[in-house]
C-alpha atoms as a PDB file:
ATOM      1  CA  MET A   1       0.449  -0.306  -0.112  1.00  0.00           C
ATOM      2  CA  GLY A   2       1.519   3.694  -0.650  1.00  0.00           C
ATOM      3  CA  LYS A   3       1.447   6.387   1.316  1.00  0.00           C
ATOM      4  CA  LEU A   4      -1.349   8.617   1.701  1.00  0.00           C
ATOM      5  CA  TYR A   5      -0.608  12.324   1.116  1.00  0.00           C
ATOM      6  CA  ARG A   6      -2.752  14.755   2.634  1.00  0.00           C
ATOM      7  CA  PRO A   7      -3.660  17.529   0.487  1.00  0.00           C
ATOM      8  CA  LEU A   8      -2.143  20.855   1.386  1.00  0.00           C
ATOM      9  CA  ARG A   9      -4.705  23.520   2.831  1.00  0.00           C
ATOM     10  CA  ARG A  10      -4.174  26.850   0.262  1.00  0.00           C
ATOM     11  CA  THR A  11      -4.741  29.988   1.630  1.00  0.00           C
ATOM     12  CA  THR A  12      -4.257  33.264   1.207  1.00  0.00           C
ATOM     13  CA  ALA A  13      -0.209  33.346   1.740  1.00  0.00           C
ATOM     14  CA  THR A  14       0.331  30.081  -0.204  1.00  0.00           C
ATOM     15  CA  PRO A  15       2.611  31.449  -2.599  1.00  0.00           C
ATOM     16  CA  ILE A  16       1.655  29.656  -5.575  1.00  0.00           C
ATOM     17  CA  TYR A  17       1.862  32.200  -8.707  1.00  0.00           C
ATOM     18  CA  THR A  18       5.387  32.328 -10.596  1.00  0.00           C
ATOM     19  CA  ILE A  19       7.148  35.683 -11.301  1.00  0.00           C
ATOM     20  CA  GLY A  20       5.365  35.964 -14.699  1.00  0.00           C
ATOM     21  CA  ALA A  21       2.085  34.823 -13.767  1.00  0.00           C
ATOM     22  CA  ALA A  22       2.293  37.356 -10.878  1.00  0.00           C
ATOM     23  CA  SER A  23       2.871  39.969 -14.090  1.00  0.00           C
ATOM     24  CA  ARG A  24      -0.186  39.066 -15.778  1.00  0.00           C
ATOM     25  CA  LEU A  25      -3.075  39.105 -13.163  1.00  0.00           C
ATOM     26  CA  THR A  26      -1.159  42.176 -11.797  1.00  0.00           C
ATOM     27  CA  GLY A  27      -0.580  44.222 -14.800  1.00  0.00           C
ATOM     28  CA  ILE A  28       2.836  45.151 -13.758  1.00  0.00           C
ATOM     29  CA  PRO A  29       6.021  44.463 -16.354  1.00  0.00           C
ATOM     30  CA  ILE A  30       8.208  41.471 -15.113  1.00  0.00           C
ATOM     31  CA  TRP A  31      11.054  43.971 -15.055  1.00  0.00           C
ATOM     32  CA  THR A  32       8.513  46.178 -12.369  1.00  0.00           C
ATOM     33  CA  LEU A  33       7.740  43.313 -10.055  1.00  0.00           C
ATOM     34  CA  ARG A  34      11.781  42.916  -9.546  1.00  0.00           C
ATOM     35  CA  TRP A  35      12.069  46.571  -9.077  1.00  0.00           C
ATOM     36  CA  ILE A  36       9.683  46.639  -6.562  1.00  0.00           C
ATOM     37  CA  GLU A  37      10.764  43.689  -4.817  1.00  0.00           C
ATOM     38  CA  ARG A  38      14.615  45.377  -4.730  1.00  0.00           C
ATOM     39  CA  HIS A  39      13.286  48.280  -3.088  1.00  0.00           C
ATOM     40  CA  GLY A  40      11.877  46.650  -0.102  1.00  0.00           C
ATOM     41  CA  LEU A  41       8.384  46.725  -0.951  1.00  0.00           C
ATOM     42  CA  LEU A  42       7.502  43.434  -0.872  1.00  0.00           C
ATOM     43  CA  ARG A  43       9.442  40.265  -0.827  1.00  0.00           C
ATOM     44  CA  PRO A  44       8.233  36.931  -1.983  1.00  0.00           C
ATOM     45  CA  SER A  45       8.880  33.879  -1.325  1.00  0.00           C
ATOM     46  CA  ARG A  46      11.524  31.804  -3.015  1.00  0.00           C
ATOM     47  CA  THR A  47      11.965  27.998  -3.933  1.00  0.00           C
ATOM     48  CA  ARG A  48      15.117  25.993  -3.252  1.00  0.00           C
ATOM     49  CA  GLY A  49      16.778  27.200  -6.550  1.00  0.00           C
ATOM     50  CA  ARG A  50      15.994  31.306  -5.942  1.00  0.00           C
ATOM     51  CA  GLN A  51      12.544  31.194  -7.768  1.00  0.00           C
ATOM     52  CA  ARG A  52       9.987  33.864  -7.021  1.00  0.00           C
ATOM     53  CA  LEU A  53       7.033  32.327  -5.635  1.00  0.00           C
ATOM     54  CA  TYR A  54       4.360  35.308  -5.006  1.00  0.00           C
ATOM     55  CA  THR A  55       0.835  34.970  -2.725  1.00  0.00           C
ATOM     56  CA  ASP A  56      -2.130  36.062  -3.447  1.00  0.00           C
ATOM     57  CA  GLY A  57      -2.513  38.678  -0.511  1.00  0.00           C
ATOM     58  CA  ASP A  58       1.167  39.661  -2.315  1.00  0.00           C
ATOM     59  CA  LEU A  59      -0.774  40.272  -5.572  1.00  0.00           C
ATOM     60  CA  GLY A  60      -3.490  42.140  -3.616  1.00  0.00           C
ATOM     61  CA  ARG A  61      -0.224  44.129  -2.362  1.00  0.00           C
ATOM     62  CA  LEU A  62       1.463  44.727  -5.438  1.00  0.00           C
ATOM     63  CA  ARG A  63      -2.273  46.257  -6.818  1.00  0.00           C
ATOM     64  CA  ASP A  64      -2.566  48.647  -4.322  1.00  0.00           C
ATOM     65  CA  ILE A  65       1.149  49.418  -5.544  1.00  0.00           C
ATOM     66  CA  ARG A  66       0.996  49.534  -8.779  1.00  0.00           C
ATOM     67  CA  GLY A  67      -2.270  52.029  -8.262  1.00  0.00           C
ATOM     68  CA  TRP A  68      -0.560  54.390  -6.162  1.00  0.00           C
ATOM     69  CA  MET A  69       2.344  54.481  -9.063  1.00  0.00           C
ATOM     70  CA  GLU A  70      -0.293  55.011 -11.486  1.00  0.00           C
ATOM     71  CA  ARG A  71      -1.735  58.391  -9.124  1.00  0.00           C
ATOM     72  CA  LYS A  72       2.042  59.404  -9.564  1.00  0.00           C
ATOM     73  CA  VAL A  73       3.032  58.130  -5.258  1.00  0.00           C
ATOM     74  CA  ASN A  74       6.832  58.075  -5.383  1.00  0.00           C
ATOM     75  CA  LEU A  75       9.432  55.129  -3.959  1.00  0.00           C
ATOM     76  CA  ALA A  76       9.367  57.577   0.056  1.00  0.00           C
ATOM     77  CA  GLY A  77       5.647  57.726  -0.049  1.00  0.00           C
ATOM     78  CA  ILE A  78       4.633  54.376  -1.331  1.00  0.00           C
ATOM     79  CA  ARG A  79       7.055  53.311   1.574  1.00  0.00           C
ATOM     80  CA  VAL A  80       5.322  55.292   4.036  1.00  0.00           C
ATOM     81  CA  ILE A  81       1.632  54.178   3.335  1.00  0.00           C
ATOM     82  CA  LEU A  82       2.849  50.347   3.926  1.00  0.00           C
ATOM     83  CA  SER A  83       4.940  51.867   6.705  1.00  0.00           C
ATOM     84  CA  LEU A  84       1.391  52.994   7.987  1.00  0.00           C
ATOM     85  CA  ARG A  85      -0.765  50.387   7.020  1.00  0.00           C
ATOM     86  CA  ALA A  86       1.107  47.197   8.666  1.00  0.00           C
ATOM     87  CA  ALA A  87       1.016  49.879  12.224  1.00  0.00           C
ATOM     88  CA  VAL A  88      -2.471  49.666  11.776  1.00  0.00           C
END
C-alpha cells in the first residue's frame, strides 16, 4: 500500500504564482516586479532554486502599489503608506 498524502490547504499566504503569472494577474511588467522587490516594497517567497513565488496577499499588495504608482506617489510615499498600513 502506497503512502497517503494529505493535500495542502491553500490560504492567501500560500506562495503559488510565478513572476510571469503575477505579472499577468496584476498588469505589472516583470521588470517592475523586480524593481519593487529590489526597493523592499515586497519580498516574495523563493523556491530552493531561487524562483520567486507570490501569494494572493502579495498580488493584492502589488495591485495597491500599482495604483499608487499610477497616481504618481513616489517610492518614499509608498513606503510611508505601507508602514502605516503595517502599524494598523
